[in-house]
Amino acid sequence: MISPDIIVLRFPGRRLPPALAGLPCREADGAAAIDDAVRDASRVVIAGSEAELAGVLTRLLHTEHLDVEVAHVPGRRGARRAVRGGAVRVPLIRDDTATVLLGAALWLPPAGSAQIRGEAVVDDAVLFDGAVDAVRIEPTMALPGLRATVSTGRLPRRWLAGRAVQLGTTGARVVRDGVEGPRAVTRSTFYRHTTGWLRVG
């Protein structure tokens, strides 16, 4: 049985799969529209990219609506599962700007530099101390919640898993789910939020 409280959020330029055509649909054209759409929903289906899904999760974090189930339909596949599938609470990874990370984040050298200089730690373990080309951070579906690695151009990579990863640096660019931040930073942290999100599928 399909819940009557399922809302489809469609981002600009996205076509809905036929399996979602009969559900209430709202246009996700800004934070206020997203907040209004999810206010009374038990489940939201996101017809959009991974970065757009992360944006919806960020709104759910800000408005304290992490009890809403969230399904992602990036294309034609997965629409039926998004409507009928069960939800499981998984770790929610955010940063110190209260932005949710879904796919991956990168710490990159600032403009004009070839390397990041500083130190990064995952919980109590040192990830690097000195200079590195880049750092990649990924959420995990199980605890402790995230993992991080230094990009050196050599394989295999050494991943460190933990609840949080912190960077102190002379300067770095932050890229979250493919979107670069507006300015270089000297500190950056990604960590597991106290409450996870309800992932469908």
N, C-alpha and C. Protein backbone atom coordinates (compact mmCIF):
# COMPACT_ATOMS: atom_id res chain seq x y z
N MET A 1 0.84 -1.20 0.00
CA MET A 1 0.00 0.00 0.00
C MET A 1 0.88 1.25 0.00
N ILE A 2 0.48 2.25 -0.80
CA ILE A 2 1.24 3.48 -0.91
C ILE A 2 0.72 4.50 0.10
N SER A 3 1.63 5.07 0.87
CA SER A 3 1.23 6.07 1.86
C SER A 3 0.71 7.32 1.15
N PRO A 4 -0.35 7.94 1.68
CA PRO A 4 -0.85 9.18 1.08
C PRO A 4 0.04 10.38 1.37
N ASP A 5 1.05 10.21 2.21
CA ASP A 5 1.90 11.34 2.60
C ASP A 5 3.23 11.35 1.86
N ILE A 6 3.30 10.71 0.70
CA ILE A 6 4.50 10.73 -0.13
C ILE A 6 4.45 11.94 -1.05
N ILE A 7 5.53 12.71 -1.05
CA ILE A 7 5.65 13.89 -1.91
C ILE A 7 6.86 13.70 -2.82
N VAL A 8 6.69 14.01 -4.09
CA VAL A 8 7.81 14.00 -5.04
C VAL A 8 8.34 15.42 -5.16
N LEU A 9 9.65 15.57 -4.99
CA LEU A 9 10.32 16.85 -5.21
C LEU A 9 11.06 16.79 -6.54
N ARG A 10 10.65 17.63 -7.47
CA ARG A 10 11.29 17.62 -8.79
C ARG A 10 12.15 18.87 -8.95
N PHE A 11 13.39 18.63 -9.34
CA PHE A 11 14.32 19.73 -9.56
C PHE A 11 14.24 20.18 -11.02
N PRO A 12 14.64 21.41 -11.31
CA PRO A 12 14.52 21.94 -12.67
C PRO A 12 15.20 21.06 -13.70
N GLY A 13 14.52 20.85 -14.82
CA GLY A 13 15.07 20.07 -15.92
C GLY A 13 14.92 18.57 -15.77
N ARG A 14 14.27 18.11 -14.71
CA ARG A 14 14.10 16.67 -14.47
C ARG A 14 12.72 16.21 -14.92
N ARG A 15 12.68 15.08 -15.63
CA ARG A 15 11.41 14.46 -16.02
C ARG A 15 11.10 13.34 -15.04
N LEU A 16 9.85 13.22 -14.68
CA LEU A 16 9.45 12.18 -13.73
C LEU A 16 9.25 10.84 -14.43
N PRO A 17 9.75 9.75 -13.85
CA PRO A 17 9.45 8.42 -14.37
C PRO A 17 7.95 8.15 -14.27
N PRO A 18 7.40 7.32 -15.16
CA PRO A 18 5.95 7.03 -15.13
C PRO A 18 5.46 6.54 -13.78
N ALA A 19 6.29 5.77 -13.05
CA ALA A 19 5.86 5.22 -11.76
C ALA A 19 5.60 6.31 -10.72
N LEU A 20 6.09 7.52 -10.95
CA LEU A 20 5.88 8.62 -10.00
C LEU A 20 4.79 9.58 -10.45
N ALA A 21 4.24 9.34 -11.63
CA ALA A 21 3.33 10.32 -12.24
C ALA A 21 2.07 10.56 -11.42
N GLY A 22 1.60 9.56 -10.69
CA GLY A 22 0.35 9.72 -9.95
C GLY A 22 0.50 10.30 -8.57
N LEU A 23 1.72 10.64 -8.17
CA LEU A 23 1.96 11.15 -6.81
C LEU A 23 1.97 12.68 -6.80
N PRO A 24 1.65 13.28 -5.66
CA PRO A 24 1.75 14.74 -5.56
C PRO A 24 3.18 15.18 -5.82
N CYS A 25 3.35 16.18 -6.66
CA CYS A 25 4.69 16.64 -7.05
C CYS A 25 4.82 18.13 -6.76
N ARG A 26 5.95 18.49 -6.17
CA ARG A 26 6.25 19.90 -5.90
C ARG A 26 7.57 20.24 -6.57
N GLU A 27 7.65 21.46 -7.06
CA GLU A 27 8.88 21.93 -7.69
C GLU A 27 9.86 22.38 -6.60
N ALA A 28 11.09 21.88 -6.68
CA ALA A 28 12.12 22.22 -5.69
C ALA A 28 12.90 23.44 -6.18
N ASP A 29 12.26 24.60 -6.12
CA ASP A 29 12.89 25.81 -6.66
C ASP A 29 13.33 26.76 -5.56
N GLY A 30 13.98 26.19 -4.55
CA GLY A 30 14.52 27.01 -3.48
C GLY A 30 14.27 26.41 -2.12
N ALA A 31 15.00 26.91 -1.12
CA ALA A 31 14.91 26.35 0.24
C ALA A 31 13.50 26.45 0.80
N ALA A 32 12.83 27.58 0.59
CA ALA A 32 11.48 27.75 1.14
C ALA A 32 10.51 26.75 0.54
N ALA A 33 10.64 26.49 -0.76
CA ALA A 33 9.75 25.52 -1.42
C ALA A 33 10.00 24.11 -0.89
N ILE A 34 11.26 23.77 -0.66
CA ILE A 34 11.59 22.45 -0.12
C ILE A 34 11.04 22.32 1.30
N ASP A 35 11.26 23.32 2.13
CA ASP A 35 10.76 23.28 3.51
C ASP A 35 9.24 23.11 3.54
N ASP A 36 8.55 23.83 2.68
CA ASP A 36 7.09 23.76 2.65
C ASP A 36 6.62 22.39 2.19
N ALA A 37 7.31 21.81 1.21
CA ALA A 37 6.90 20.52 0.65
C ALA A 37 7.04 19.38 1.65
N VAL A 38 8.09 19.39 2.45
CA VAL A 38 8.36 18.25 3.34
C VAL A 38 7.69 18.40 4.70
N ARG A 39 7.08 19.53 4.96
CA ARG A 39 6.56 19.81 6.31
C ARG A 39 5.59 18.74 6.79
N ASP A 40 4.69 18.28 5.93
CA ASP A 40 3.67 17.30 6.33
C ASP A 40 3.86 15.95 5.66
N ALA A 41 5.02 15.72 5.08
CA ALA A 41 5.26 14.46 4.36
C ALA A 41 5.84 13.41 5.29
N SER A 42 5.49 12.16 5.04
CA SER A 42 6.14 11.05 5.74
C SER A 42 7.32 10.53 4.92
N ARG A 43 7.27 10.77 3.59
CA ARG A 43 8.35 10.36 2.70
C ARG A 43 8.46 11.36 1.56
N VAL A 44 9.69 11.72 1.21
CA VAL A 44 9.92 12.56 0.03
C VAL A 44 10.75 11.77 -0.97
N VAL A 45 10.36 11.86 -2.22
CA VAL A 45 11.09 11.22 -3.32
C VAL A 45 11.77 12.33 -4.10
N ILE A 46 13.09 12.25 -4.19
CA ILE A 46 13.87 13.30 -4.83
C ILE A 46 14.16 12.91 -6.27
N ALA A 47 13.59 13.65 -7.22
CA ALA A 47 13.90 13.47 -8.63
C ALA A 47 14.95 14.50 -8.99
N GLY A 48 16.22 14.13 -8.81
CA GLY A 48 17.31 15.07 -9.02
C GLY A 48 18.65 14.39 -8.86
N SER A 49 19.70 15.18 -8.87
CA SER A 49 21.06 14.67 -8.77
C SER A 49 21.43 14.35 -7.33
N GLU A 50 22.61 13.77 -7.17
CA GLU A 50 23.10 13.48 -5.82
C GLU A 50 23.32 14.77 -5.03
N ALA A 51 23.85 15.79 -5.70
CA ALA A 51 24.06 17.07 -5.02
C ALA A 51 22.73 17.69 -4.60
N GLU A 52 21.69 17.52 -5.44
CA GLU A 52 20.37 18.04 -5.08
C GLU A 52 19.76 17.27 -3.92
N LEU A 53 19.99 15.95 -3.89
CA LEU A 53 19.56 15.15 -2.74
C LEU A 53 20.25 15.64 -1.47
N ALA A 54 21.55 15.91 -1.55
CA ALA A 54 22.28 16.43 -0.39
C ALA A 54 21.70 17.76 0.06
N GLY A 55 21.25 18.57 -0.90
CA GLY A 55 20.63 19.84 -0.55
C GLY A 55 19.33 19.67 0.21
N VAL A 56 18.53 18.67 -0.18
CA VAL A 56 17.28 18.39 0.54
C VAL A 56 17.60 17.90 1.95
N LEU A 57 18.58 17.01 2.08
CA LEU A 57 18.96 16.53 3.40
C LEU A 57 19.47 17.67 4.28
N THR A 58 20.16 18.62 3.68
CA THR A 58 20.61 19.79 4.44
C THR A 58 19.41 20.58 4.97
N ARG A 59 18.37 20.72 4.16
CA ARG A 59 17.16 21.40 4.63
C ARG A 59 16.49 20.61 5.75
N LEU A 60 16.43 19.28 5.62
CA LEU A 60 15.84 18.46 6.69
C LEU A 60 16.63 18.60 7.98
N LEU A 61 17.95 18.70 7.86
CA LEU A 61 18.80 18.92 9.04
C LEU A 61 18.49 20.27 9.68
N HIS A 62 18.42 21.31 8.88
CA HIS A 62 18.20 22.66 9.41
C HIS A 62 16.84 22.80 10.07
N THR A 63 15.83 22.13 9.51
CA THR A 63 14.47 22.27 10.02
C THR A 63 14.08 21.17 10.99
N GLU A 64 15.05 20.31 11.33
CA GLU A 64 14.84 19.22 12.28
C GLU A 64 13.70 18.29 11.84
N HIS A 65 13.76 17.88 10.57
CA HIS A 65 12.78 16.95 10.01
C HIS A 65 13.46 15.65 9.56
N LEU A 66 14.41 15.16 10.32
CA LEU A 66 15.12 13.94 9.95
C LEU A 66 14.29 12.68 10.20
N ASP A 67 13.04 12.85 10.63
CA ASP A 67 12.12 11.72 10.74
C ASP A 67 11.40 11.45 9.42
N VAL A 68 11.62 12.28 8.41
CA VAL A 68 11.03 12.08 7.09
C VAL A 68 11.87 11.08 6.30
N GLU A 69 11.23 10.07 5.72
CA GLU A 69 11.94 9.09 4.88
C GLU A 69 12.31 9.75 3.55
N VAL A 70 13.49 9.40 3.03
CA VAL A 70 14.00 10.05 1.82
C VAL A 70 14.40 9.00 0.80
N ALA A 71 13.84 9.12 -0.41
CA ALA A 71 14.18 8.24 -1.52
C ALA A 71 14.77 9.07 -2.65
N HIS A 72 15.71 8.47 -3.39
CA HIS A 72 16.38 9.18 -4.48
C HIS A 72 16.12 8.47 -5.79
N VAL A 73 15.63 9.20 -6.78
CA VAL A 73 15.41 8.67 -8.12
C VAL A 73 16.15 9.58 -9.09
N PRO A 74 17.43 9.27 -9.40
CA PRO A 74 18.20 10.15 -10.27
C PRO A 74 17.80 10.07 -11.74
N GLY A 75 17.14 8.98 -12.13
CA GLY A 75 16.71 8.81 -13.53
C GLY A 75 15.43 8.00 -13.57
N ARG A 76 15.33 7.09 -14.55
CA ARG A 76 14.12 6.29 -14.70
C ARG A 76 14.11 5.10 -13.75
N ARG A 77 15.28 4.66 -13.30
CA ARG A 77 15.35 3.46 -12.47
C ARG A 77 15.08 3.77 -11.01
N GLY A 78 14.54 2.80 -10.32
CA GLY A 78 14.37 2.91 -8.89
C GLY A 78 13.11 3.61 -8.43
N ALA A 79 12.23 3.98 -9.36
CA ALA A 79 11.03 4.74 -8.96
C ALA A 79 10.09 3.90 -8.11
N ARG A 80 9.87 2.64 -8.51
CA ARG A 80 8.95 1.80 -7.73
C ARG A 80 9.51 1.54 -6.33
N ARG A 81 10.81 1.28 -6.24
CA ARG A 81 11.43 1.06 -4.94
C ARG A 81 11.33 2.31 -4.07
N ALA A 82 11.44 3.47 -4.70
CA ALA A 82 11.35 4.72 -3.95
C ALA A 82 9.98 4.89 -3.30
N VAL A 83 8.94 4.33 -3.93
CA VAL A 83 7.58 4.45 -3.41
C VAL A 83 7.26 3.35 -2.42
N ARG A 84 7.67 2.12 -2.74
CA ARG A 84 7.24 0.96 -1.95
C ARG A 84 8.31 0.38 -1.03
N GLY A 85 9.57 0.78 -1.19
CA GLY A 85 10.66 0.21 -0.41
C GLY A 85 10.63 0.66 1.04
N GLY A 86 11.34 -0.11 1.88
CA GLY A 86 11.46 0.24 3.28
C GLY A 86 12.57 1.25 3.50
N ALA A 87 12.56 1.88 4.67
CA ALA A 87 13.56 2.88 5.01
C ALA A 87 14.43 2.38 6.16
N VAL A 88 15.72 2.68 6.08
CA VAL A 88 16.69 2.31 7.11
C VAL A 88 17.45 3.57 7.52
N ARG A 89 17.64 3.76 8.82
CA ARG A 89 18.40 4.93 9.27
C ARG A 89 19.89 4.67 9.09
N VAL A 90 20.55 5.58 8.39
CA VAL A 90 21.98 5.47 8.11
C VAL A 90 22.66 6.75 8.59
N PRO A 91 24.00 6.70 8.77
CA PRO A 91 24.69 7.90 9.27
C PRO A 91 24.50 9.10 8.35
N LEU A 92 24.33 10.26 8.96
CA LEU A 92 24.25 11.52 8.22
C LEU A 92 25.54 12.29 8.49
N ILE A 93 26.27 12.57 7.41
CA ILE A 93 27.55 13.27 7.53
C ILE A 93 27.35 14.72 7.12
N ARG A 94 27.80 15.61 7.96
CA ARG A 94 27.69 17.05 7.72
C ARG A 94 29.04 17.70 7.96
N ASP A 95 29.14 18.97 7.62
CA ASP A 95 30.39 19.68 7.92
C ASP A 95 30.11 20.84 8.87
N ASP A 96 31.13 21.63 9.11
CA ASP A 96 31.00 22.71 10.09
C ASP A 96 30.20 23.89 9.57
N THR A 97 29.74 23.83 8.32
CA THR A 97 28.82 24.84 7.79
C THR A 97 27.38 24.31 7.79
N ALA A 98 27.16 23.15 8.42
CA ALA A 98 25.84 22.50 8.47
C ALA A 98 25.34 22.11 7.09
N THR A 99 26.28 21.73 6.21
CA THR A 99 25.96 21.22 4.88
C THR A 99 26.13 19.71 4.89
N VAL A 100 25.14 18.98 4.39
CA VAL A 100 25.19 17.51 4.38
C VAL A 100 26.05 17.03 3.22
N LEU A 101 26.86 16.01 3.49
CA LEU A 101 27.68 15.36 2.48
C LEU A 101 27.07 14.01 2.16
N LEU A 102 26.88 13.74 0.87
CA LEU A 102 26.24 12.49 0.47
C LEU A 102 27.18 11.57 -0.29
N GLY A 103 27.87 12.09 -1.29
CA GLY A 103 28.73 11.26 -2.13
C GLY A 103 30.19 11.31 -1.69
N ALA A 104 30.83 12.45 -1.87
CA ALA A 104 32.23 12.60 -1.49
C ALA A 104 32.58 14.08 -1.38
N ALA A 105 33.58 14.35 -0.55
CA ALA A 105 34.14 15.70 -0.43
C ALA A 105 35.63 15.63 -0.73
N LEU A 106 36.16 16.74 -1.19
CA LEU A 106 37.59 16.85 -1.45
C LEU A 106 38.13 18.09 -0.75
N TRP A 107 39.30 17.93 -0.16
CA TRP A 107 40.10 19.09 0.24
C TRP A 107 41.20 19.22 -0.80
N LEU A 108 41.24 20.35 -1.48
CA LEU A 108 42.18 20.58 -2.57
C LEU A 108 43.07 21.77 -2.26
N PRO A 109 44.24 21.85 -2.92
CA PRO A 109 45.11 23.01 -2.69
C PRO A 109 44.42 24.31 -3.11
N PRO A 110 44.77 25.41 -2.47
CA PRO A 110 44.20 26.70 -2.88
C PRO A 110 44.76 27.12 -4.24
N ALA A 111 44.13 28.08 -4.85
CA ALA A 111 44.58 28.57 -6.15
C ALA A 111 46.05 29.00 -6.07
N GLY A 112 46.82 28.57 -7.05
CA GLY A 112 48.23 28.92 -7.09
C GLY A 112 49.15 27.99 -6.34
N SER A 113 48.60 26.98 -5.67
CA SER A 113 49.40 26.02 -4.91
C SER A 113 49.22 24.62 -5.48
N ALA A 114 50.24 23.81 -5.32
CA ALA A 114 50.19 22.43 -5.81
C ALA A 114 49.80 21.45 -4.71
N GLN A 115 49.93 21.87 -3.45
CA GLN A 115 49.65 20.95 -2.34
C GLN A 115 48.93 21.67 -1.20
N ILE A 116 48.29 20.86 -0.36
CA ILE A 116 47.72 21.33 0.90
C ILE A 116 48.78 21.18 1.97
N ARG A 117 48.98 22.22 2.77
CA ARG A 117 49.94 22.14 3.87
C ARG A 117 49.20 22.27 5.20
N GLY A 118 49.48 21.32 6.10
CA GLY A 118 48.81 21.34 7.39
C GLY A 118 48.73 19.95 7.98
N GLU A 119 47.65 19.70 8.71
CA GLU A 119 47.47 18.41 9.37
C GLU A 119 45.99 18.04 9.35
N ALA A 120 45.72 16.75 9.16
CA ALA A 120 44.35 16.24 9.23
C ALA A 120 44.33 15.02 10.12
N VAL A 121 43.26 14.88 10.91
CA VAL A 121 43.10 13.73 11.79
C VAL A 121 41.71 13.15 11.60
N VAL A 122 41.63 11.82 11.69
CA VAL A 122 40.36 11.11 11.72
C VAL A 122 40.20 10.58 13.13
N ASP A 123 39.24 11.13 13.87
CA ASP A 123 39.12 10.86 15.30
C ASP A 123 40.47 11.15 15.96
N ASP A 124 41.17 10.15 16.47
CA ASP A 124 42.47 10.39 17.12
C ASP A 124 43.66 9.98 16.26
N ALA A 125 43.41 9.52 15.03
CA ALA A 125 44.48 9.03 14.17
C ALA A 125 44.89 10.10 13.16
N VAL A 126 46.20 10.28 12.98
CA VAL A 126 46.70 11.29 12.03
C VAL A 126 46.56 10.76 10.61
N LEU A 127 45.86 11.52 9.77
CA LEU A 127 45.73 11.17 8.36
C LEU A 127 46.93 11.67 7.58
N PHE A 128 47.34 12.91 7.83
CA PHE A 128 48.59 13.42 7.28
C PHE A 128 49.07 14.58 8.14
N ASP A 129 50.36 14.82 8.09
CA ASP A 129 50.99 15.94 8.78
C ASP A 129 52.12 16.42 7.87
N GLY A 130 51.89 17.54 7.20
CA GLY A 130 52.87 18.03 6.24
C GLY A 130 52.18 18.57 5.00
N ALA A 131 52.53 18.01 3.83
CA ALA A 131 51.96 18.48 2.57
C ALA A 131 51.46 17.30 1.75
N VAL A 132 50.26 17.43 1.19
CA VAL A 132 49.67 16.37 0.36
C VAL A 132 48.98 17.02 -0.84
N ASP A 133 48.72 16.19 -1.86
CA ASP A 133 48.06 16.70 -3.07
C ASP A 133 46.58 16.99 -2.83
N ALA A 134 45.90 16.10 -2.11
CA ALA A 134 44.46 16.25 -1.89
C ALA A 134 44.01 15.24 -0.85
N VAL A 135 42.82 15.44 -0.29
CA VAL A 135 42.20 14.49 0.64
C VAL A 135 40.78 14.24 0.16
N ARG A 136 40.37 12.97 0.20
CA ARG A 136 39.01 12.59 -0.17
C ARG A 136 38.28 12.04 1.05
N ILE A 137 37.05 12.50 1.26
CA ILE A 137 36.22 12.06 2.39
C ILE A 137 34.93 11.47 1.83
N GLU A 138 34.53 10.31 2.34
CA GLU A 138 33.30 9.65 1.88
C GLU A 138 32.46 9.23 3.07
N PRO A 139 31.15 9.45 3.02
CA PRO A 139 30.26 8.85 4.03
C PRO A 139 30.20 7.34 3.83
N THR A 140 29.91 6.62 4.89
CA THR A 140 29.68 5.18 4.80
C THR A 140 28.27 4.89 5.31
N MET A 141 27.69 3.79 4.83
CA MET A 141 26.33 3.45 5.22
C MET A 141 26.26 2.83 6.61
N ALA A 142 27.41 2.52 7.20
CA ALA A 142 27.46 1.91 8.53
C ALA A 142 28.37 2.75 9.42
N LEU A 143 28.27 2.52 10.72
CA LEU A 143 29.13 3.22 11.67
C LEU A 143 30.57 2.80 11.47
N PRO A 144 31.56 3.68 11.72
CA PRO A 144 31.42 4.95 12.45
C PRO A 144 30.88 6.12 11.63
N GLY A 145 30.76 5.99 10.30
CA GLY A 145 30.08 7.02 9.55
C GLY A 145 30.80 7.60 8.36
N LEU A 146 32.14 7.69 8.42
CA LEU A 146 32.87 8.24 7.28
C LEU A 146 34.25 7.60 7.19
N ARG A 147 34.90 7.83 6.05
CA ARG A 147 36.28 7.41 5.87
C ARG A 147 37.00 8.47 5.04
N ALA A 148 38.32 8.53 5.19
CA ALA A 148 39.10 9.55 4.50
C ALA A 148 40.42 8.96 4.04
N THR A 149 40.94 9.52 2.95
CA THR A 149 42.21 9.05 2.42
C THR A 149 42.97 10.23 1.81
N VAL A 150 44.29 10.10 1.78
CA VAL A 150 45.15 11.08 1.13
C VAL A 150 45.37 10.63 -0.31
N SER A 151 45.22 11.55 -1.26
CA SER A 151 45.49 11.25 -2.66
C SER A 151 46.97 11.50 -2.94
N THR A 152 47.65 10.43 -3.30
CA THR A 152 49.08 10.52 -3.55
C THR A 152 49.45 10.12 -4.97
N GLY A 153 48.49 9.59 -5.73
CA GLY A 153 48.80 9.08 -7.06
C GLY A 153 49.29 7.66 -7.04
N ARG A 154 49.44 7.08 -5.85
CA ARG A 154 49.89 5.70 -5.73
C ARG A 154 48.77 4.86 -5.14
N LEU A 155 48.67 3.61 -5.57
CA LEU A 155 47.69 2.66 -5.04
C LEU A 155 48.41 1.56 -4.30
N PRO A 156 47.81 0.89 -3.31
CA PRO A 156 46.45 1.16 -2.83
C PRO A 156 46.42 2.34 -1.86
N ARG A 157 45.26 2.94 -1.75
CA ARG A 157 45.09 4.02 -0.79
C ARG A 157 44.90 3.46 0.61
N ARG A 158 45.31 4.25 1.58
CA ARG A 158 45.07 3.90 2.99
C ARG A 158 43.89 4.72 3.48
N TRP A 159 42.80 4.03 3.77
CA TRP A 159 41.59 4.69 4.28
C TRP A 159 41.57 4.62 5.80
N LEU A 160 41.17 5.71 6.42
CA LEU A 160 40.93 5.74 7.86
C LEU A 160 39.45 5.99 8.08
N ALA A 161 38.82 5.16 8.90
CA ALA A 161 37.39 5.31 9.20
C ALA A 161 37.22 5.94 10.57
N GLY A 162 36.16 6.72 10.73
CA GLY A 162 35.92 7.35 12.02
C GLY A 162 34.60 8.10 12.04
N ARG A 163 34.39 8.80 13.14
CA ARG A 163 33.19 9.63 13.28
C ARG A 163 33.41 11.02 12.70
N ALA A 164 34.66 11.50 12.73
CA ALA A 164 34.94 12.87 12.28
C ALA A 164 36.32 12.95 11.66
N VAL A 165 36.48 13.86 10.70
CA VAL A 165 37.78 14.17 10.12
C VAL A 165 37.94 15.68 10.15
N GLN A 166 39.11 16.14 10.63
CA GLN A 166 39.35 17.57 10.81
C GLN A 166 40.62 17.98 10.10
N LEU A 167 40.59 19.16 9.50
CA LEU A 167 41.75 19.70 8.79
C LEU A 167 42.11 21.06 9.36
N GLY A 168 43.41 21.25 9.63
CA GLY A 168 43.96 22.57 9.91
C GLY A 168 45.03 22.83 8.87
N THR A 169 44.97 23.96 8.17
CA THR A 169 45.82 24.17 7.01
C THR A 169 46.11 25.65 6.79
N THR A 170 47.13 25.92 5.99
CA THR A 170 47.39 27.29 5.58
C THR A 170 46.39 27.76 4.53
N GLY A 171 45.70 26.81 3.91
CA GLY A 171 44.67 27.15 2.92
C GLY A 171 44.26 25.92 2.13
N ALA A 172 42.96 25.76 1.91
CA ALA A 172 42.45 24.65 1.12
C ALA A 172 41.10 25.02 0.53
N ARG A 173 40.80 24.43 -0.63
CA ARG A 173 39.46 24.54 -1.22
C ARG A 173 38.65 23.32 -0.80
N VAL A 174 37.36 23.52 -0.56
CA VAL A 174 36.47 22.43 -0.15
C VAL A 174 35.45 22.19 -1.26
N VAL A 175 35.39 20.93 -1.72
CA VAL A 175 34.42 20.54 -2.74
C VAL A 175 33.49 19.51 -2.11
N ARG A 176 32.19 19.80 -2.10
CA ARG A 176 31.19 18.90 -1.51
C ARG A 176 30.27 18.39 -2.60
N ASP A 177 30.27 17.09 -2.83
CA ASP A 177 29.40 16.50 -3.85
C ASP A 177 29.51 17.23 -5.18
N GLY A 178 30.74 17.55 -5.56
CA GLY A 178 31.00 18.18 -6.84
C GLY A 178 30.84 19.69 -6.88
N VAL A 179 30.45 20.30 -5.77
CA VAL A 179 30.22 21.74 -5.72
C VAL A 179 31.31 22.39 -4.86
N GLU A 180 32.10 23.27 -5.47
CA GLU A 180 33.19 23.91 -4.73
C GLU A 180 32.68 25.06 -3.89
N GLY A 181 33.22 25.18 -2.69
CA GLY A 181 32.86 26.27 -1.80
C GLY A 181 33.32 27.61 -2.35
N PRO A 182 32.76 28.71 -1.84
CA PRO A 182 33.04 30.03 -2.40
C PRO A 182 34.43 30.57 -2.12
N ARG A 183 35.10 30.04 -1.09
CA ARG A 183 36.40 30.59 -0.73
C ARG A 183 37.27 29.52 -0.06
N ALA A 184 38.57 29.77 -0.05
CA ALA A 184 39.49 28.87 0.62
C ALA A 184 39.31 28.99 2.14
N VAL A 185 39.62 27.89 2.84
CA VAL A 185 39.45 27.84 4.29
C VAL A 185 40.77 27.46 4.94
N THR A 186 40.89 27.74 6.24
CA THR A 186 42.05 27.29 7.01
C THR A 186 41.67 26.15 7.95
N ARG A 187 40.37 25.94 8.15
CA ARG A 187 39.88 24.82 8.96
C ARG A 187 38.64 24.24 8.31
N SER A 188 38.52 22.92 8.39
CA SER A 188 37.33 22.26 7.86
C SER A 188 37.12 20.96 8.61
N THR A 189 35.87 20.64 8.89
CA THR A 189 35.53 19.42 9.63
C THR A 189 34.30 18.77 9.00
N PHE A 190 34.36 17.46 8.83
CA PHE A 190 33.20 16.65 8.47
C PHE A 190 32.97 15.65 9.60
N TYR A 191 31.71 15.47 9.98
CA TYR A 191 31.46 14.57 11.11
C TYR A 191 30.05 13.99 11.04
N ARG A 192 29.86 12.90 11.79
CA ARG A 192 28.56 12.23 11.86
C ARG A 192 27.63 13.00 12.78
N HIS A 193 26.47 13.35 12.26
CA HIS A 193 25.46 14.04 13.06
C HIS A 193 24.89 13.08 14.10
N THR A 194 24.33 13.64 15.16
CA THR A 194 23.80 12.80 16.24
C THR A 194 22.64 11.92 15.77
N THR A 195 21.90 12.37 14.77
CA THR A 195 20.78 11.60 14.22
C THR A 195 21.04 11.30 12.76
N GLY A 196 20.83 10.05 12.35
CA GLY A 196 21.00 9.70 10.96
C GLY A 196 19.79 10.09 10.13
N TRP A 197 19.85 9.77 8.82
CA TRP A 197 18.70 10.04 7.95
C TRP A 197 18.08 8.72 7.52
N LEU A 198 16.80 8.77 7.16
CA LEU A 198 16.03 7.57 6.82
C LEU A 198 16.11 7.34 5.31
N ARG A 199 16.99 6.45 4.91
CA ARG A 199 17.24 6.17 3.49
C ARG A 199 16.32 5.06 2.99
N VAL A 200 15.62 5.32 1.90
CA VAL A 200 14.73 4.34 1.28
C VAL A 200 15.49 3.61 0.18
N GLY A 201 15.36 2.27 0.16
CA GLY A 201 15.97 1.50 -0.91
C GLY A 201 17.12 0.66 -0.45
